Every structure is written in C-alpha cells, then in structure tokens.
Amino acid sequence: MNMVENEFTDRFPEKITNKKELRYIEKITIQYNLVNEISILNPNESIFTWEDYSGKYKSRIDHVLIPKNVLDSTKIIDIGFTEFSDHKCITVQLRQTQSKIKKKK
C-alpha cells in the first residue's frame, strides 16, 4: 500500500492519506505486534523512500515492519537510491543473538 503513517513527516507536500488504508496497517501492526523500524529510529525526521522523477513529490511509503521483540537486534544501514526505480533501497541488518539453551541432565 502506498500510504504514510504521519502526514507531517512522511510526505512532501502534505496530503491526506486514505484513512481506510491507515486503519488496515494499524490493525496488522497491532495484531502481529509489529513496528515500522524507520519511524521508530527516526520519529521526527523526514526520510523519504519514494519520490517522483521530478523530485517535486516525496514520501515515506516503504516500510520495514518487524516484531517489537527483535527491534533491538535490527538496524537500518542504508536508505539509498536505485538505478531503475523511483523507490529507494532499504538495507536492514539483523544481528543474531545468542540464546541460552538449557541442557537436559
């Protein structure tokens, strides 16, 4: 879905999002306990993942939805341009954590 979470930081120029789409995304994120990592790491920063070819319109319509319990194990390394798309490429790093496995005696 090409939608934004926050009209003030996620779209330039501002435009009202389809509220039905926003409610759908909110339902999914609550149901599966997900967060948008880009928004969490940069809550007040306008980081755009799409722009039209003229550069006149920009928005953050691409999302990295992850479970809240792995948020500390992920980090966005880069949001960069791609050659053949008007969307940027989002590179996410996942850190493997050591889990403690109890051995049976």
PDB file of N, CA and C in Angstrom:
ATOM      1  N   MET A   1       0.828  -1.174   0.000  1.00  0.00           N
ATOM      2  CA  MET A   1       0.000   0.000   0.000  1.00  0.00           C
ATOM      3  C   MET A   1       0.874   1.238   0.000  1.00  0.00           C
ATOM      4  N   ASN A   2       0.562   2.136  -0.852  1.00  0.00           N
ATOM      5  CA  ASN A   2       1.297   3.393  -0.895  1.00  0.00           C
ATOM      6  C   ASN A   2       0.666   4.378   0.076  1.00  0.00           C
ATOM      7  N   MET A   3       1.016   4.223   1.343  1.00  0.00           N
ATOM      8  CA  MET A   3       0.464   5.098   2.366  1.00  0.00           C
ATOM      9  C   MET A   3       1.545   5.483   3.359  1.00  0.00           C
ATOM     10  N   VAL A   4       1.284   6.583   4.046  1.00  0.00           N
ATOM     11  CA  VAL A   4       2.220   7.066   5.052  1.00  0.00           C
ATOM     12  C   VAL A   4       1.568   6.968   6.424  1.00  0.00           C
ATOM     13  N   GLU A   5       2.399   6.917   7.453  1.00  0.00           N
ATOM     14  CA  GLU A   5       1.887   6.872   8.822  1.00  0.00           C
ATOM     15  C   GLU A   5       1.651   8.275   9.381  1.00  0.00           C
ATOM     16  N   ASN A   6       2.494   9.220   9.005  1.00  0.00           N
ATOM     17  CA  ASN A   6       2.414  10.568   9.552  1.00  0.00           C
ATOM     18  C   ASN A   6       2.482  11.571   8.408  1.00  0.00           C
ATOM     19  N   GLU A   7       1.413  12.323   8.218  1.00  0.00           N
ATOM     20  CA  GLU A   7       1.342  13.278   7.104  1.00  0.00           C
ATOM     21  C   GLU A   7       2.375  14.399   7.212  1.00  0.00           C
ATOM     22  N   PHE A   8       2.816  14.714   8.418  1.00  0.00           N
ATOM     23  CA  PHE A   8       3.713  15.852   8.600  1.00  0.00           C
ATOM     24  C   PHE A   8       5.176  15.501   8.363  1.00  0.00           C
ATOM     25  N   THR A   9       5.573  14.262   8.654  1.00  0.00           N
ATOM     26  CA  THR A   9       6.977  13.893   8.467  1.00  0.00           C
ATOM     27  C   THR A   9       7.184  12.945   7.295  1.00  0.00           C
ATOM     28  N   ASP A  10       6.132  12.301   6.814  1.00  0.00           N
ATOM     29  CA  ASP A  10       6.289  11.232   5.825  1.00  0.00           C
ATOM     30  C   ASP A  10       5.903  11.607   4.397  1.00  0.00           C
ATOM     31  N   ARG A  11       5.459  12.827   4.160  1.00  0.00           N
ATOM     32  CA  ARG A  11       5.052  13.199   2.806  1.00  0.00           C
ATOM     33  C   ARG A  11       5.357  14.675   2.555  1.00  0.00           C
ATOM     34  N   PHE A  12       5.847  14.950   1.335  1.00  0.00           N
ATOM     35  CA  PHE A  12       6.056  16.328   0.913  1.00  0.00           C
ATOM     36  C   PHE A  12       5.579  16.482  -0.518  1.00  0.00           C
ATOM     37  N   PRO A  13       4.715  17.434  -0.806  1.00  0.00           N
ATOM     38  CA  PRO A  13       3.971  18.236   0.154  1.00  0.00           C
ATOM     39  C   PRO A  13       2.916  17.386   0.869  1.00  0.00           C
ATOM     40  N   GLU A  14       2.416  17.885   1.987  1.00  0.00           N
ATOM     41  CA  GLU A  14       1.438  17.138   2.785  1.00  0.00           C
ATOM     42  C   GLU A  14       0.180  16.844   1.971  1.00  0.00           C
ATOM     43  N   LYS A  15      -0.382  15.675   2.212  1.00  0.00           N
ATOM     44  CA  LYS A  15      -1.611  15.255   1.529  1.00  0.00           C
ATOM     45  C   LYS A  15      -2.303  14.262   2.453  1.00  0.00           C
ATOM     46  N   ILE A  16      -3.612  14.316   2.524  1.00  0.00           N
ATOM     47  CA  ILE A  16      -4.352  13.427   3.418  1.00  0.00           C
ATOM     48  C   ILE A  16      -4.356  12.010   2.850  1.00  0.00           C
ATOM     49  N   THR A  17      -3.981  11.054   3.700  1.00  0.00           N
ATOM     50  CA  THR A  17      -3.931   9.640   3.333  1.00  0.00           C
ATOM     51  C   THR A  17      -5.322   9.035   3.368  1.00  0.00           C
ATOM     52  N   ASN A  18      -5.500   7.992   2.596  1.00  0.00           N
ATOM     53  CA  ASN A  18      -6.728   7.216   2.655  1.00  0.00           C
ATOM     54  C   ASN A  18      -6.816   6.592   4.044  1.00  0.00           C
ATOM     55  N   LYS A  19      -7.774   7.022   4.834  1.00  0.00           N
ATOM     56  CA  LYS A  19      -7.893   6.565   6.224  1.00  0.00           C
ATOM     57  C   LYS A  19      -8.157   5.066   6.313  1.00  0.00           C
ATOM     58  N   LYS A  20      -8.818   4.495   5.313  1.00  0.00           N
ATOM     59  CA  LYS A  20      -9.096   3.055   5.311  1.00  0.00           C
ATOM     60  C   LYS A  20      -7.785   2.269   5.276  1.00  0.00           C
ATOM     61  N   GLU A  21      -6.853   2.683   4.429  1.00  0.00           N
ATOM     62  CA  GLU A  21      -5.548   2.022   4.348  1.00  0.00           C
ATOM     63  C   GLU A  21      -4.787   2.155   5.660  1.00  0.00           C
ATOM     64  N   LEU A  22      -4.828   3.329   6.257  1.00  0.00           N
ATOM     65  CA  LEU A  22      -4.123   3.555   7.516  1.00  0.00           C
ATOM     66  C   LEU A  22      -4.681   2.660   8.622  1.00  0.00           C
ATOM     67  N   ARG A  23      -5.997   2.526   8.700  1.00  0.00           N
ATOM     68  CA  ARG A  23      -6.606   1.646   9.707  1.00  0.00           C
ATOM     69  C   ARG A  23      -6.216   0.196   9.464  1.00  0.00           C
ATOM     70  N   TYR A  24      -6.097  -0.211   8.204  1.00  0.00           N
ATOM     71  CA  TYR A  24      -5.707  -1.583   7.873  1.00  0.00           C
ATOM     72  C   TYR A  24      -4.284  -1.873   8.361  1.00  0.00           C
ATOM     73  N   ILE A  25      -3.369  -0.963   8.097  1.00  0.00           N
ATOM     74  CA  ILE A  25      -1.987  -1.132   8.554  1.00  0.00           C
ATOM     75  C   ILE A  25      -1.934  -1.132  10.080  1.00  0.00           C
ATOM     76  N   GLU A  26      -2.676  -0.250  10.724  1.00  0.00           N
ATOM     77  CA  GLU A  26      -2.703  -0.220  12.189  1.00  0.00           C
ATOM     78  C   GLU A  26      -3.203  -1.546  12.750  1.00  0.00           C
ATOM     79  N   LYS A  27      -4.214  -2.115  12.122  1.00  0.00           N
ATOM     80  CA  LYS A  27      -4.771  -3.403  12.567  1.00  0.00           C
ATOM     81  C   LYS A  27      -3.716  -4.507  12.480  1.00  0.00           C
ATOM     82  N   ILE A  28      -2.992  -4.560  11.374  1.00  0.00           N
ATOM     83  CA  ILE A  28      -1.952  -5.577  11.176  1.00  0.00           C
ATOM     84  C   ILE A  28      -0.823  -5.405  12.192  1.00  0.00           C
ATOM     85  N   THR A  29      -0.387  -4.172  12.388  1.00  0.00           N
ATOM     86  CA  THR A  29       0.726  -3.950  13.316  1.00  0.00           C
ATOM     87  C   THR A  29       0.342  -4.299  14.750  1.00  0.00           C
ATOM     88  N   ILE A  30      -0.885  -4.028  15.124  1.00  0.00           N
ATOM     89  CA  ILE A  30      -1.344  -4.394  16.471  1.00  0.00           C
ATOM     90  C   ILE A  30      -1.498  -5.903  16.589  1.00  0.00           C
ATOM     91  N   GLN A  31      -2.133  -6.507  15.591  1.00  0.00           N
ATOM     92  CA  GLN A  31      -2.389  -7.953  15.622  1.00  0.00           C
ATOM     93  C   GLN A  31      -1.103  -8.763  15.720  1.00  0.00           C
ATOM     94  N   TYR A  32      -0.080  -8.355  15.002  1.00  0.00           N
ATOM     95  CA  TYR A  32       1.170  -9.112  14.971  1.00  0.00           C
ATOM     96  C   TYR A  32       2.291  -8.462  15.789  1.00  0.00           C
ATOM     97  N   ASN A  33       1.954  -7.428  16.541  1.00  0.00           N
ATOM     98  CA  ASN A  33       2.915  -6.763  17.415  1.00  0.00           C
ATOM     99  C   ASN A  33       4.131  -6.244  16.626  1.00  0.00           C
ATOM    100  N   LEU A  34       3.851  -5.530  15.540  1.00  0.00           N
ATOM    101  CA  LEU A  34       4.889  -5.019  14.649  1.00  0.00           C
ATOM    102  C   LEU A  34       5.092  -3.524  14.846  1.00  0.00           C
ATOM    103  N   VAL A  35       6.284  -3.081  14.495  1.00  0.00           N
ATOM    104  CA  VAL A  35       6.591  -1.652  14.456  1.00  0.00           C
ATOM    105  C   VAL A  35       7.296  -1.358  13.137  1.00  0.00           C
ATOM    106  N   ASN A  36       7.174  -0.123  12.686  1.00  0.00           N
ATOM    107  CA  ASN A  36       7.885   0.309  11.491  1.00  0.00           C
ATOM    108  C   ASN A  36       9.240   0.846  11.940  1.00  0.00           C
ATOM    109  N   GLU A  37      10.275   0.110  11.659  1.00  0.00           N
ATOM    110  CA  GLU A  37      11.606   0.456  12.164  1.00  0.00           C
ATOM    111  C   GLU A  37      12.066   1.836  11.709  1.00  0.00           C
ATOM    112  N   ILE A  38      11.735   2.230  10.511  1.00  0.00           N
ATOM    113  CA  ILE A  38      12.156   3.549  10.033  1.00  0.00           C
ATOM    114  C   ILE A  38      11.543   4.639  10.909  1.00  0.00           C
ATOM    115  N   SER A  39      10.272   4.499  11.231  1.00  0.00           N
ATOM    116  CA  SER A  39       9.594   5.501  12.064  1.00  0.00           C
ATOM    117  C   SER A  39      10.103   5.498  13.493  1.00  0.00           C
ATOM    118  N   ILE A  40      10.404   4.325  14.029  1.00  0.00           N
ATOM    119  CA  ILE A  40      10.891   4.222  15.406  1.00  0.00           C
ATOM    120  C   ILE A  40      12.268   4.868  15.539  1.00  0.00           C
ATOM    121  N   LEU A  41      13.149   4.586  14.591  1.00  0.00           N
ATOM    122  CA  LEU A  41      14.512   5.116  14.678  1.00  0.00           C
ATOM    123  C   LEU A  41      14.598   6.591  14.316  1.00  0.00           C
ATOM    124  N   ASN A  42      13.645   7.072  13.514  1.00  0.00           N
ATOM    125  CA  ASN A  42      13.677   8.465  13.047  1.00  0.00           C
ATOM    126  C   ASN A  42      12.285   9.090  13.167  1.00  0.00           C
ATOM    127  N   PRO A  43      11.757   9.236  14.376  1.00  0.00           N
ATOM    128  CA  PRO A  43      10.364   9.651  14.535  1.00  0.00           C
ATOM    129  C   PRO A  43      10.052  11.058  14.028  1.00  0.00           C
ATOM    130  N   ASN A  44      10.983  11.966  14.094  1.00  0.00           N
ATOM    131  CA  ASN A  44      10.713  13.354  13.698  1.00  0.00           C
ATOM    132  C   ASN A  44      11.479  13.786  12.457  1.00  0.00           C
ATOM    133  N   GLU A  45      12.100  12.835  11.801  1.00  0.00           N
ATOM    134  CA  GLU A  45      12.925  13.148  10.636  1.00  0.00           C
ATOM    135  C   GLU A  45      12.184  12.748   9.367  1.00  0.00           C
ATOM    136  N   SER A  46      12.222  13.600   8.371  1.00  0.00           N
ATOM    137  CA  SER A  46      11.586  13.294   7.091  1.00  0.00           C
ATOM    138  C   SER A  46      12.552  12.490   6.233  1.00  0.00           C
ATOM    139  N   ILE A  47      12.398  11.180   6.287  1.00  0.00           N
ATOM    140  CA  ILE A  47      13.205  10.287   5.460  1.00  0.00           C
ATOM    141  C   ILE A  47      12.280   9.734   4.391  1.00  0.00           C
ATOM    142  N   PHE A  48      12.520  10.112   3.158  1.00  0.00           N
ATOM    143  CA  PHE A  48      11.637   9.709   2.073  1.00  0.00           C
ATOM    144  C   PHE A  48      12.197   8.489   1.357  1.00  0.00           C
ATOM    145  N   THR A  49      11.333   7.520   1.081  1.00  0.00           N
ATOM    146  CA  THR A  49      11.754   6.301   0.387  1.00  0.00           C
ATOM    147  C   THR A  49      11.254   6.267  -1.051  1.00  0.00           C
ATOM    148  N   TRP A  50      10.471   7.260  -1.430  1.00  0.00           N
ATOM    149  CA  TRP A  50       9.973   7.359  -2.797  1.00  0.00           C
ATOM    150  C   TRP A  50       9.937   8.825  -3.185  1.00  0.00           C
ATOM    151  N   GLU A  51      10.241   9.101  -4.436  1.00  0.00           N
ATOM    152  CA  GLU A  51       9.986  10.434  -4.980  1.00  0.00           C
ATOM    153  C   GLU A  51       9.752  10.315  -6.469  1.00  0.00           C
ATOM    154  N   ASP A  52       8.931  11.218  -6.987  1.00  0.00           N
ATOM    155  CA  ASP A  52       8.683  11.179  -8.422  1.00  0.00           C
ATOM    156  C   ASP A  52       9.945  11.648  -9.143  1.00  0.00           C
ATOM    157  N   TYR A  53       9.982  11.418 -10.436  1.00  0.00           N
ATOM    158  CA  TYR A  53      11.212  11.688 -11.179  1.00  0.00           C
ATOM    159  C   TYR A  53      11.581  13.168 -11.215  1.00  0.00           C
ATOM    160  N   SER A  54      10.618  14.049 -11.011  1.00  0.00           N
ATOM    161  CA  SER A  54      10.923  15.485 -10.997  1.00  0.00           C
ATOM    162  C   SER A  54      11.464  15.941  -9.639  1.00  0.00           C
ATOM    163  N   GLY A  55      11.261  15.107  -8.598  1.00  0.00           N
ATOM    164  CA  GLY A  55      11.681  15.475  -7.256  1.00  0.00           C
ATOM    165  C   GLY A  55      10.693  16.389  -6.551  1.00  0.00           C
ATOM    166  N   LYS A  56       9.561  16.644  -7.191  1.00  0.00           N
ATOM    167  CA  LYS A  56       8.556  17.551  -6.636  1.00  0.00           C
ATOM    168  C   LYS A  56       7.749  16.903  -5.513  1.00  0.00           C
ATOM    169  N   TYR A  57       7.511  15.604  -5.623  1.00  0.00           N
ATOM    170  CA  TYR A  57       6.716  14.882  -4.626  1.00  0.00           C
ATOM    171  C   TYR A  57       7.570  13.803  -3.983  1.00  0.00           C
ATOM    172  N   LYS A  58       7.492  13.704  -2.658  1.00  0.00           N
ATOM    173  CA  LYS A  58       8.296  12.731  -1.917  1.00  0.00           C
ATOM    174  C   LYS A  58       7.447  12.149  -0.797  1.00  0.00           C
ATOM    175  N   SER A  59       7.722  10.895  -0.451  1.00  0.00           N
ATOM    176  CA  SER A  59       7.013  10.306   0.686  1.00  0.00           C
ATOM    177  C   SER A  59       7.770   9.106   1.232  1.00  0.00           C
ATOM    178  N   ARG A  60       7.383   8.728   2.431  1.00  0.00           N
ATOM    179  CA  ARG A  60       7.927   7.519   3.060  1.00  0.00           C
ATOM    180  C   ARG A  60       6.806   6.483   3.015  1.00  0.00           C
ATOM    181  N   ILE A  61       6.693   5.812   1.863  1.00  0.00           N
ATOM    182  CA  ILE A  61       5.623   4.833   1.681  1.00  0.00           C
ATOM    183  C   ILE A  61       6.142   3.405   1.740  1.00  0.00           C
ATOM    184  N   ASP A  62       7.425   3.243   1.873  1.00  0.00           N
ATOM    185  CA  ASP A  62       8.005   1.909   2.044  1.00  0.00           C
ATOM    186  C   ASP A  62       8.267   1.723   3.533  1.00  0.00           C
ATOM    187  N   HIS A  63       7.962   0.550   4.025  1.00  0.00           N
ATOM    188  CA  HIS A  63       8.016   0.313   5.460  1.00  0.00           C
ATOM    189  C   HIS A  63       8.856  -0.918   5.774  1.00  0.00           C
ATOM    190  N   VAL A  64       9.490  -0.901   6.923  1.00  0.00           N
ATOM    191  CA  VAL A  64      10.205  -2.065   7.439  1.00  0.00           C
ATOM    192  C   VAL A  64       9.459  -2.470   8.705  1.00  0.00           C
ATOM    193  N   LEU A  65       8.500  -3.390   8.553  1.00  0.00           N
ATOM    194  CA  LEU A  65       7.689  -3.836   9.684  1.00  0.00           C
ATOM    195  C   LEU A  65       8.349  -5.045  10.318  1.00  0.00           C
ATOM    196  N   ILE A  66       8.666  -4.917  11.594  1.00  0.00           N
ATOM    197  CA  ILE A  66       9.340  -6.001  12.311  1.00  0.00           C
ATOM    198  C   ILE A  66       8.645  -6.217  13.655  1.00  0.00           C
ATOM    199  N   PRO A  67       8.748  -7.423  14.202  1.00  0.00           N
ATOM    200  CA  PRO A  67       8.193  -7.658  15.540  1.00  0.00           C
ATOM    201  C   PRO A  67       8.926  -6.803  16.577  1.00  0.00           C
ATOM    202  N   LYS A  68       8.180  -6.272  17.524  1.00  0.00           N
ATOM    203  CA  LYS A  68       8.779  -5.421  18.557  1.00  0.00           C
ATOM    204  C   LYS A  68       9.900  -6.122  19.312  1.00  0.00           C
ATOM    205  N   ASN A  69       9.763  -7.438  19.501  1.00  0.00           N
ATOM    206  CA  ASN A  69      10.761  -8.148  20.307  1.00  0.00           C
ATOM    207  C   ASN A  69      12.108  -8.316  19.600  1.00  0.00           C
ATOM    208  N   VAL A  70      12.214  -8.012  18.323  1.00  0.00           N
ATOM    209  CA  VAL A  70      13.517  -8.081  17.642  1.00  0.00           C
ATOM    210  C   VAL A  70      14.036  -6.695  17.249  1.00  0.00           C
ATOM    211  N   LEU A  71      13.360  -5.663  17.702  1.00  0.00           N
ATOM    212  CA  LEU A  71      13.772  -4.302  17.357  1.00  0.00           C
ATOM    213  C   LEU A  71      15.214  -4.021  17.764  1.00  0.00           C
ATOM    214  N   ASP A  72      15.623  -4.495  18.920  1.00  0.00           N
ATOM    215  CA  ASP A  72      16.998  -4.273  19.381  1.00  0.00           C
ATOM    216  C   ASP A  72      18.027  -5.060  18.578  1.00  0.00           C
ATOM    217  N   SER A  73      17.580  -6.031  17.799  1.00  0.00           N
ATOM    218  CA  SER A  73      18.500  -6.864  17.015  1.00  0.00           C
ATOM    219  C   SER A  73      18.583  -6.430  15.561  1.00  0.00           C
ATOM    220  N   THR A  74      17.966  -5.316  15.222  1.00  0.00           N
ATOM    221  CA  THR A  74      17.986  -4.848  13.838  1.00  0.00           C
ATOM    222  C   THR A  74      18.484  -3.418  13.773  1.00  0.00           C
ATOM    223  N   LYS A  75      18.987  -3.082  12.615  1.00  0.00           N
ATOM    224  CA  LYS A  75      19.368  -1.691  12.395  1.00  0.00           C
ATOM    225  C   LYS A  75      19.345  -1.421  10.902  1.00  0.00           C
ATOM    226  N   ILE A  76      18.890  -0.244  10.555  1.00  0.00           N
ATOM    227  CA  ILE A  76      18.875   0.165   9.158  1.00  0.00           C
ATOM    228  C   ILE A  76      20.251   0.721   8.838  1.00  0.00           C
ATOM    229  N   ILE A  77      20.890   0.115   7.842  1.00  0.00           N
ATOM    230  CA  ILE A  77      22.235   0.526   7.478  1.00  0.00           C
ATOM    231  C   ILE A  77      22.199   1.643   6.444  1.00  0.00           C
ATOM    232  N   ASP A  78      21.260   1.533   5.493  1.00  0.00           N
ATOM    233  CA  ASP A  78      21.277   2.479   4.387  1.00  0.00           C
ATOM    234  C   ASP A  78      19.894   2.606   3.771  1.00  0.00           C
ATOM    235  N   ILE A  79      19.565   3.803   3.372  1.00  0.00           N
ATOM    236  CA  ILE A  79      18.394   4.053   2.538  1.00  0.00           C
ATOM    237  C   ILE A  79      18.944   4.822   1.353  1.00  0.00           C
ATOM    238  N   GLY A  80      19.121   4.113   0.228  1.00  0.00           N
ATOM    239  CA  GLY A  80      19.815   4.716  -0.897  1.00  0.00           C
ATOM    240  C   GLY A  80      19.070   4.606  -2.205  1.00  0.00           C
ATOM    241  N   PHE A  81      19.549   5.334  -3.172  1.00  0.00           N
ATOM    242  CA  PHE A  81      18.927   5.353  -4.491  1.00  0.00           C
ATOM    243  C   PHE A  81      19.213   4.070  -5.251  1.00  0.00           C
ATOM    244  N   THR A  82      18.285   3.700  -6.112  1.00  0.00           N
ATOM    245  CA  THR A  82      18.465   2.575  -7.014  1.00  0.00           C
ATOM    246  C   THR A  82      18.406   3.098  -8.440  1.00  0.00           C
ATOM    247  N   GLU A  83      18.978   2.356  -9.329  1.00  0.00           N
ATOM    248  CA  GLU A  83      19.096   2.833 -10.700  1.00  0.00           C
ATOM    249  C   GLU A  83      17.791   2.771 -11.487  1.00  0.00           C
ATOM    250  N   PHE A  84      16.972   1.745 -11.245  1.00  0.00           N
ATOM    251  CA  PHE A  84      15.821   1.521 -12.109  1.00  0.00           C
ATOM    252  C   PHE A  84      14.474   1.668 -11.412  1.00  0.00           C
ATOM    253  N   SER A  85      14.425   2.381 -10.312  1.00  0.00           N
ATOM    254  CA  SER A  85      13.168   2.524  -9.587  1.00  0.00           C
ATOM    255  C   SER A  85      13.049   3.919  -9.000  1.00  0.00           C
ATOM    256  N   ASP A  86      11.811   4.341  -8.795  1.00  0.00           N
ATOM    257  CA  ASP A  86      11.588   5.606  -8.109  1.00  0.00           C
ATOM    258  C   ASP A  86      11.501   5.398  -6.594  1.00  0.00           C
ATOM    259  N   HIS A  87      11.656   4.155  -6.142  1.00  0.00           N
ATOM    260  CA  HIS A  87      11.720   3.835  -4.717  1.00  0.00           C
ATOM    261  C   HIS A  87      13.182   3.642  -4.324  1.00  0.00           C
ATOM    262  N   LYS A  88      13.498   3.993  -3.096  1.00  0.00           N
ATOM    263  CA  LYS A  88      14.856   3.783  -2.601  1.00  0.00           C
ATOM    264  C   LYS A  88      14.991   2.365  -2.064  1.00  0.00           C
ATOM    265  N   CYS A  89      16.203   1.901  -2.003  1.00  0.00           N
ATOM    266  CA  CYS A  89      16.512   0.578  -1.465  1.00  0.00           C
ATOM    267  C   CYS A  89      16.814   0.731   0.026  1.00  0.00           C
ATOM    268  N   ILE A  90      16.124  -0.058   0.848  1.00  0.00           N
ATOM    269  CA  ILE A  90      16.336  -0.018   2.295  1.00  0.00           C
ATOM    270  C   ILE A  90      17.119  -1.260   2.686  1.00  0.00           C
ATOM    271  N   THR A  91      18.288  -1.062   3.265  1.00  0.00           N
ATOM    272  CA  THR A  91      19.118  -2.181   3.699  1.00  0.00           C
ATOM    273  C   THR A  91      19.027  -2.296   5.212  1.00  0.00           C
ATOM    274  N   VAL A  92      18.622  -3.479   5.672  1.00  0.00           N
ATOM    275  CA  VAL A  92      18.447  -3.727   7.101  1.00  0.00           C
ATOM    276  C   VAL A  92      19.428  -4.804   7.532  1.00  0.00           C
ATOM    277  N   GLN A  93      20.057  -4.600   8.673  1.00  0.00           N
ATOM    278  CA  GLN A  93      20.979  -5.596   9.220  1.00  0.00           C
ATOM    279  C   GLN A  93      20.310  -6.266  10.416  1.00  0.00           C
ATOM    280  N   LEU A  94      20.344  -7.584  10.427  1.00  0.00           N
ATOM    281  CA  LEU A  94      19.811  -8.363  11.541  1.00  0.00           C
ATOM    282  C   LEU A  94      20.978  -8.962  12.301  1.00  0.00           C
ATOM    283  N   ARG A  95      21.022  -8.710  13.595  1.00  0.00           N
ATOM    284  CA  ARG A  95      22.079  -9.283  14.425  1.00  0.00           C
ATOM    285  C   ARG A  95      21.558 -10.560  15.061  1.00  0.00           C
ATOM    286  N   GLN A  96      22.329 -11.603  14.941  1.00  0.00           N
ATOM    287  CA  GLN A  96      21.958 -12.865  15.573  1.00  0.00           C
ATOM    288  C   GLN A  96      22.329 -12.786  17.044  1.00  0.00           C
ATOM    289  N   THR A  97      21.395 -13.142  17.892  1.00  0.00           N
ATOM    290  CA  THR A  97      21.670 -13.109  19.325  1.00  0.00           C
ATOM    291  C   THR A  97      21.900 -14.518  19.831  1.00  0.00           C
ATOM    292  N   GLN A  98      22.720 -14.611  20.843  1.00  0.00           N
ATOM    293  CA  GLN A  98      22.995 -15.907  21.459  1.00  0.00           C
ATOM    294  C   GLN A  98      21.820 -16.270  22.355  1.00  0.00           C
ATOM    295  N   SER A  99      21.230 -17.400  22.120  1.00  0.00           N
ATOM    296  CA  SER A  99      20.157 -17.838  23.012  1.00  0.00           C
ATOM    297  C   SER A  99      20.709 -18.909  23.939  1.00  0.00           C
ATOM    298  N   LYS A 100      20.248 -18.878  25.139  1.00  0.00           N
ATOM    299  CA  LYS A 100      20.709 -19.851  26.123  1.00  0.00           C
ATOM    300  C   LYS A 100      19.820 -21.083  26.044  1.00  0.00           C
ATOM    301  N   ILE A 101      20.427 -22.196  25.734  1.00  0.00           N
ATOM    302  CA  ILE A 101      19.703 -23.456  25.640  1.00  0.00           C
ATOM    303  C   ILE A 101      20.068 -24.296  26.852  1.00  0.00           C
ATOM    304  N   LYS A 102      19.056 -24.672  27.584  1.00  0.00           N
ATOM    305  CA  LYS A 102      19.298 -25.494  28.768  1.00  0.00           C
ATOM    306  C   LYS A 102      19.472 -26.941  28.346  1.00  0.00           C
ATOM    307  N   LYS A 103      20.542 -27.533  28.825  1.00  0.00           N
ATOM    308  CA  LYS A 103      20.803 -28.939  28.526  1.00  0.00           C
ATOM    309  C   LYS A 103      20.084 -29.805  29.536  1.00  0.00           C
ATOM    310  N   LYS A 104      19.525 -30.882  29.040  1.00  0.00           N
ATOM    311  CA  LYS A 104      18.849 -31.823  29.938  1.00  0.00           C
ATOM    312  C   LYS A 104      19.891 -32.624  30.692  1.00  0.00           C
ATOM    313  N   LYS A 105      19.624 -32.862  31.959  1.00  0.00           N
ATOM    314  CA  LYS A 105      20.568 -33.635  32.783  1.00  0.00           C
ATOM    315  C   LYS A 105      20.171 -35.082  32.833  1.00  0.00           C
TER     316      LYS A 105
END
